[in-house]
Amino acid sequence: MSIETISTTTIQVFAPEPETFYPIDVAARLAQTQRHLILVCCKRGIISPHIEPESGRYFFDGATIEVLRRIEYLHTDCGINFTGVQIILSLADEVERFRQREEDSERMRSESF
């Protein structure tokens, strides 16, 4: 009886460059969503595109694409409506701010000793 080694390969999700702006079609592909969902999110104020003044075209940065991925998951996979998605994203941002504030407080306490 022989023992075989099984190799595994992991697939990494593409991480968009934070300071690069992507047109809506590329943003949709990177976020694995549809243009329509992006436009609905823009209309509802869930995300804010960078708008090119001359053409009016929408562009999205890496952070917005990450938010779009979360929106896609919450809306499509979990069945949460856009109002619920907006509330969840807002609460997640608030939790992150509290977490950061707590880390800063911890760091200041440890530095004062």
Foldseek 3Di string as FASTA:
>chain_A
DDDDDDDDDDDDQDQFDQPDKAFLVVLCVSLVHDSVVVVVCCVVVLDPFDADVPPRTTIDGRVVSVLSNVVCCCCPVVVDDPVVSSVVVVVVVVVVVVVVVVVVVVVVVVVVD
